[in-house]
C-alpha atoms as a PDB file:
ATOM      1  CA  MET A   1     -15.940   3.237 -33.059  1.00  0.00           C
ATOM      2  CA  SER A   2     -12.936   5.295 -34.143  1.00  0.00           C
ATOM      3  CA  PHE A   3     -10.214   6.985 -32.118  1.00  0.00           C
ATOM      4  CA  ASP A   4     -11.570  10.350 -33.323  1.00  0.00           C
ATOM      5  CA  ASP A   5     -14.777   9.817 -31.353  1.00  0.00           C
ATOM      6  CA  GLU A   6     -14.463  12.163 -28.340  1.00  0.00           C
ATOM      7  CA  SER A   7     -17.073  10.254 -26.321  1.00  0.00           C
ATOM      8  CA  ARG A   8     -14.448   7.537 -25.754  1.00  0.00           C
ATOM      9  CA  TYR A   9     -12.310   9.955 -23.756  1.00  0.00           C
ATOM     10  CA  LYS A  10     -14.922  11.605 -21.543  1.00  0.00           C
ATOM     11  CA  THR A  11     -14.136  11.374 -17.847  1.00  0.00           C
ATOM     12  CA  ALA A  12     -16.556  10.107 -15.229  1.00  0.00           C
ATOM     13  CA  ASP A  13     -18.987  12.440 -13.509  1.00  0.00           C
ATOM     14  CA  LEU A  14     -17.267  13.748 -10.368  1.00  0.00           C
ATOM     15  CA  GLY A  15     -20.573  14.013  -8.491  1.00  0.00           C
ATOM     16  CA  LYS A  16     -20.435  10.391  -7.391  1.00  0.00           C
ATOM     17  CA  PHE A  17     -16.966  10.987  -5.904  1.00  0.00           C
ATOM     18  CA  ALA A  18     -18.131  13.998  -3.840  1.00  0.00           C
ATOM     19  CA  PRO A  19     -16.913  12.682  -0.447  1.00  0.00           C
ATOM     20  CA  LEU A  20     -13.490  11.928  -1.983  1.00  0.00           C
ATOM     21  CA  ARG A  21     -11.543  15.115  -2.627  1.00  0.00           C
ATOM     22  CA  TYR A  22      -7.889  14.028  -2.907  1.00  0.00           C
ATOM     23  CA  PHE A  23      -5.869  10.918  -3.601  1.00  0.00           C
ATOM     24  CA  VAL A  24      -2.152  10.111  -3.471  1.00  0.00           C
ATOM     25  CA  GLY A  25      -0.413   8.633  -6.482  1.00  0.00           C
ATOM     26  CA  PHE A  26       3.186   8.030  -7.455  1.00  0.00           C
ATOM     27  CA  ASP A  27       5.227   8.428 -10.589  1.00  0.00           C
ATOM     28  CA  ARG A  28       8.390   6.455 -11.178  1.00  0.00           C
ATOM     29  CA  TYR A  29       9.106   7.578 -14.736  1.00  0.00           C
ATOM     30  CA  ARG A  30      10.268  11.157 -14.223  1.00  0.00           C
ATOM     31  CA  GLY A  31      13.943  10.176 -14.590  1.00  0.00           C
ATOM     32  CA  ILE A  32      14.978  11.648 -11.243  1.00  0.00           C
ATOM     33  CA  GLY A  33      13.471   9.004  -8.978  1.00  0.00           C
ATOM     34  CA  GLU A  34      10.118   8.184  -7.491  1.00  0.00           C
ATOM     35  CA  ALA A  35       7.779  10.872  -6.203  1.00  0.00           C
ATOM     36  CA  LEU A  36       4.377  10.923  -4.513  1.00  0.00           C
ATOM     37  CA  TYR A  37       1.777  13.441  -5.598  1.00  0.00           C
ATOM     38  CA  VAL A  38      -1.508  14.606  -4.080  1.00  0.00           C
ATOM     39  CA  VAL A  39      -4.160  15.021  -6.763  1.00  0.00           C
ATOM     40  CA  ASP A  40      -7.228  17.241  -6.297  1.00  0.00           C
ATOM     41  CA  ILE A  41     -10.014  15.304  -8.010  1.00  0.00           C
ATOM     42  CA  ALA A  42     -12.191  18.327  -8.802  1.00  0.00           C
ATOM     43  CA  SER A  43      -9.513  20.502 -10.409  1.00  0.00           C
ATOM     44  CA  GLY A  44      -6.977  17.873 -11.470  1.00  0.00           C
ATOM     45  CA  ALA A  45      -4.170  19.905  -9.861  1.00  0.00           C
ATOM     46  CA  THR A  46      -1.181  17.906  -8.629  1.00  0.00           C
ATOM     47  CA  THR A  47       1.186  18.812  -5.803  1.00  0.00           C
ATOM     48  CA  ARG A  48       4.396  16.976  -5.001  1.00  0.00           C
ATOM     49  CA  PHE A  49       3.944  15.377  -1.585  1.00  0.00           C
ATOM     50  CA  ALA A  50       7.097  13.369  -0.786  1.00  0.00           C
ATOM     51  CA  ASP A  51       9.736  11.083  -2.279  1.00  0.00           C
ATOM     52  CA  GLY A  52       9.060   7.349  -2.485  1.00  0.00           C
ATOM     53  CA  GLU A  53       6.769   4.884  -4.213  1.00  0.00           C
ATOM     54  CA  SER A  54       4.032   2.325  -3.521  1.00  0.00           C
ATOM     55  CA  PRO A  55       2.041   4.304  -0.926  1.00  0.00           C
ATOM     56  CA  SER A  56       0.096   2.339   1.677  1.00  0.00           C
ATOM     57  CA  LEU A  57      -2.405   4.223   3.850  1.00  0.00           C
ATOM     58  CA  ALA A  58      -3.006   3.528   7.548  1.00  0.00           C
ATOM     59  CA  ILE A  59      -6.517   4.944   7.535  1.00  0.00           C
ATOM     60  CA  ALA A  60      -7.123   4.913  11.313  1.00  0.00           C
ATOM     61  CA  ALA A  61      -3.715   6.414  12.134  1.00  0.00           C
ATOM     62  CA  GLY A  62      -3.687   8.922   9.272  1.00  0.00           C
ATOM     63  CA  THR A  63      -0.196   7.898   8.153  1.00  0.00           C
ATOM     64  CA  ILE A  64       1.259   6.658   4.872  1.00  0.00           C
ATOM     65  CA  LEU A  65       3.963   4.027   4.386  1.00  0.00           C
ATOM     66  CA  VAL A  66       6.152   4.555   1.305  1.00  0.00           C
ATOM     67  CA  SER A  67       8.989   2.473  -0.079  1.00  0.00           C
ATOM     68  CA  ASP A  68      12.364   3.833  -1.144  1.00  0.00           C
ATOM     69  CA  GLU A  69      15.851   2.496  -1.876  1.00  0.00           C
ATOM     70  CA  ASP A  70      16.690   1.998   1.836  1.00  0.00           C
ATOM     71  CA  GLY A  71      13.471   0.327   2.997  1.00  0.00           C
ATOM     72  CA  CYS A  72      10.314   2.160   4.058  1.00  0.00           C
ATOM     73  CA  ARG A  73       9.302   5.432   5.658  1.00  0.00           C
ATOM     74  CA  LEU A  74       6.168   6.177   7.655  1.00  0.00           C
ATOM     75  CA  LEU A  75       4.911   9.675   6.788  1.00  0.00           C
ATOM     76  CA  ASP A  76       2.383  11.958   8.442  1.00  0.00           C
ATOM     77  CA  SER A  77      -0.326  13.776   6.488  1.00  0.00           C
ATOM     78  CA  GLU A  78       2.098  16.628   5.696  1.00  0.00           C
ATOM     79  CA  GLY A  79       4.691  14.296   4.142  1.00  0.00           C
ATOM     80  CA  LYS A  80       7.154  14.462   7.058  1.00  0.00           C
ATOM     81  CA  THR A  81       8.986  11.282   8.043  1.00  0.00           C
ATOM     82  CA  LEU A  82       7.785   9.901  11.385  1.00  0.00           C
ATOM     83  CA  ARG A  83       9.826   6.694  11.286  1.00  0.00           C
ATOM     84  CA  ARG A  84      12.297   5.012   8.960  1.00  0.00           C
ATOM     85  CA  ILE A  85      12.267   1.223   8.632  1.00  0.00           C
ATOM     86  CA  ARG A  86      15.569   0.136   7.145  1.00  0.00           C
ATOM     87  CA  ASP A  87      15.992  -3.048   5.167  1.00  0.00           C
ATOM     88  CA  HIS A  88      19.716  -3.721   5.484  1.00  0.00           C
ATOM     89  CA  ARG A  89      19.594  -6.994   3.551  1.00  0.00           C
ATOM     90  CA  ASP A  90      17.450  -5.624   0.697  1.00  0.00           C
ATOM     91  CA  ARG A  91      14.953  -8.453   1.067  1.00  0.00           C
ATOM     92  CA  MET A  92      11.655  -6.684   1.876  1.00  0.00           C
ATOM     93  CA  MET A  93       9.181  -6.280  -0.995  1.00  0.00           C
ATOM     94  CA  HIS A  94       5.650  -4.889  -1.293  1.00  0.00           C
ATOM     95  CA  ALA A  95       5.288  -3.606   2.264  1.00  0.00           C
ATOM     96  CA  LEU A  96       1.807  -2.565   3.413  1.00  0.00           C
ATOM     97  CA  VAL A  97       0.976  -0.814   6.673  1.00  0.00           C
ATOM     98  CA  SER A  98      -1.982  -2.011   8.753  1.00  0.00           C
ATOM     99  CA  PRO A  99      -5.096   0.189   8.912  1.00  0.00           C
ATOM    100  CA  THR A 100      -4.177   1.112  12.509  1.00  0.00           C
ATOM    101  CA  GLY A 101      -0.557   1.890  11.596  1.00  0.00           C
ATOM    102  CA  ASP A 102       1.029  -0.450  14.148  1.00  0.00           C
ATOM    103  CA  ALA A 103       2.087  -3.378  11.920  1.00  0.00           C
ATOM    104  CA  ILE A 104       3.532  -4.041   8.484  1.00  0.00           C
ATOM    105  CA  LEU A 105       2.713  -6.926   6.170  1.00  0.00           C
ATOM    106  CA  ALA A 106       5.404  -7.643   3.574  1.00  0.00           C
ATOM    107  CA  ARG A 107       7.021 -10.235   1.372  1.00  0.00           C
ATOM    108  CA  PHE A 108      10.667 -11.104   1.963  1.00  0.00           C
ATOM    109  CA  ARG A 109      12.852 -12.347  -0.861  1.00  0.00           C
ATOM    110  CA  ARG A 110      14.112 -15.888  -0.587  1.00  0.00           C
ATOM    111  CA  HIS A 111      17.800 -16.688  -0.454  1.00  0.00           C
ATOM    112  CA  LYS A 112      17.465 -18.967  -3.481  1.00  0.00           C
ATOM    113  CA  LEU A 113      18.666 -17.712  -6.828  1.00  0.00           C
ATOM    114  CA  TYR A 114      15.911 -17.142  -9.426  1.00  0.00           C
ATOM    115  CA  GLN A 115      13.171 -17.965  -6.896  1.00  0.00           C
ATOM    116  CA  TYR A 116       9.971 -16.069  -7.721  1.00  0.00           C
ATOM    117  CA  GLY A 117       7.832 -14.648  -4.944  1.00  0.00           C
ATOM    118  CA  GLY A 118       8.722 -14.442  -1.314  1.00  0.00           C
ATOM    119  CA  ARG A 119       7.804 -15.378   2.221  1.00  0.00           C
ATOM    120  CA  LEU A 120       4.882 -13.526   3.761  1.00  0.00           C
ATOM    121  CA  ALA A 121       5.702 -11.902   7.103  1.00  0.00           C
ATOM    122  CA  ILE A 122       4.192  -9.499   9.593  1.00  0.00           C
ATOM    123  CA  PHE A 123       6.083  -7.342  12.075  1.00  0.00           C
ATOM    124  CA  GLY A 124       5.367  -4.528  14.469  1.00  0.00           C
ATOM    125  CA  ILE A 125       6.257  -1.012  13.422  1.00  0.00           C
ATOM    126  CA  ASP A 126       8.524  -0.841  16.491  1.00  0.00           C
ATOM    127  CA  SER A 127      10.256  -4.183  15.823  1.00  0.00           C
ATOM    128  CA  PRO A 128      11.118  -4.458  12.110  1.00  0.00           C
ATOM    129  CA  ARG A 129      14.090  -6.769  12.742  1.00  0.00           C
ATOM    130  CA  THR A 130      11.908  -9.546  14.163  1.00  0.00           C
ATOM    131  CA  PRO A 131       9.380 -10.497  11.469  1.00  0.00           C
ATOM    132  CA  HIS A 132       6.935 -13.329  12.089  1.00  0.00           C
ATOM    133  CA  PHE A 133       6.764 -15.442   8.928  1.00  0.00           C
ATOM    134  CA  LEU A 134       3.199 -16.482   8.147  1.00  0.00           C
ATOM    135  CA  ALA A 135       3.567 -18.731   5.118  1.00  0.00           C
ATOM    136  CA  ASP A 136       6.294 -20.507   3.207  1.00  0.00           C
ATOM    137  CA  GLY A 137       4.425 -20.637  -0.084  1.00  0.00           C
ATOM    138  CA  ILE A 138       4.940 -18.409  -3.071  1.00  0.00           C
ATOM    139  CA  MET A 139       3.187 -15.103  -2.497  1.00  0.00           C
ATOM    140  CA  ALA A 140       2.661 -12.792  -5.463  1.00  0.00           C
ATOM    141  CA  ARG A 141       0.569 -10.080  -3.776  1.00  0.00           C
ATOM    142  CA  VAL A 142      -0.321  -9.190  -0.202  1.00  0.00           C
ATOM    143  CA  ASP A 143      -3.047  -6.981   1.221  1.00  0.00           C
ATOM    144  CA  TRP A 144      -4.859  -6.229   4.484  1.00  0.00           C
ATOM    145  CA  VAL A 145      -8.485  -7.163   5.078  1.00  0.00           C
ATOM    146  CA  LEU A 146     -10.408  -4.683   7.208  1.00  0.00           C
ATOM    147  CA  ALA A 147     -13.017  -7.070   8.588  1.00  0.00           C
ATOM    148  CA  LYS A 148     -12.954 -10.750   9.413  1.00  0.00           C
ATOM    149  CA  PRO A 149     -15.422 -12.953   7.559  1.00  0.00           C
ATOM    150  CA  PRO A 150     -18.039 -14.543   9.810  1.00  0.00           C
ATOM    151  CA  ILE A 151     -16.997 -17.895  11.212  1.00  0.00           C
ATOM    152  CA  HIS A 152     -19.827 -20.310  11.950  1.00  0.00           C
ATOM    153  CA  THR A 153     -18.767 -22.728  14.659  1.00  0.00           C
ATOM    154  CA  SER A 154     -22.124 -24.225  15.498  1.00  0.00           C
ATOM    155  CA  LYS A 155     -25.192 -25.081  13.531  1.00  0.00           C
ATOM    156  CA  ASP A 156     -28.295 -22.945  13.922  1.00  0.00           C
ATOM    157  CA  PRO A 157     -30.860 -24.967  15.943  1.00  0.00           C
ATOM    158  CA  GLU A 158     -33.663 -23.641  13.725  1.00  0.00           C
ATOM    159  CA  SER A 159     -32.123 -24.998  10.522  1.00  0.00           C
ATOM    160  CA  PRO A 160     -32.689 -28.603   9.357  1.00  0.00           C
END
């Protein structure tokens, strides 16, 4: 197959994405700083939404957490700042807002020089200065899980 073959560059059929109309993406290579964009899937039109990078959606609350040079900002659906979460020590990395919008899961840089990864912590949106550290291992990526896996505490009496 050659690069001249146009079938290699055909986009997916948008019919299967019918319930999904927009998505938010970010671009950090514009030279002026990071920016968030809303993209209309059907037309491909982009609209600048807000400044920041690494958007994290609180689906139940309808808010978006974005990172910037001073920490994080919680935005409403119009791109207006609802709350600023400052990181005075420049240690917070990869912050993700919970689906309900009331907690943040993040990695915090270690104090050790050249130490990869960070400590996983969770804190309430109203109390960013008091994180609860969950693990002391090396964490490379964090994410929320929307549902707990089933925990079987007793054996089924019908099973052998």
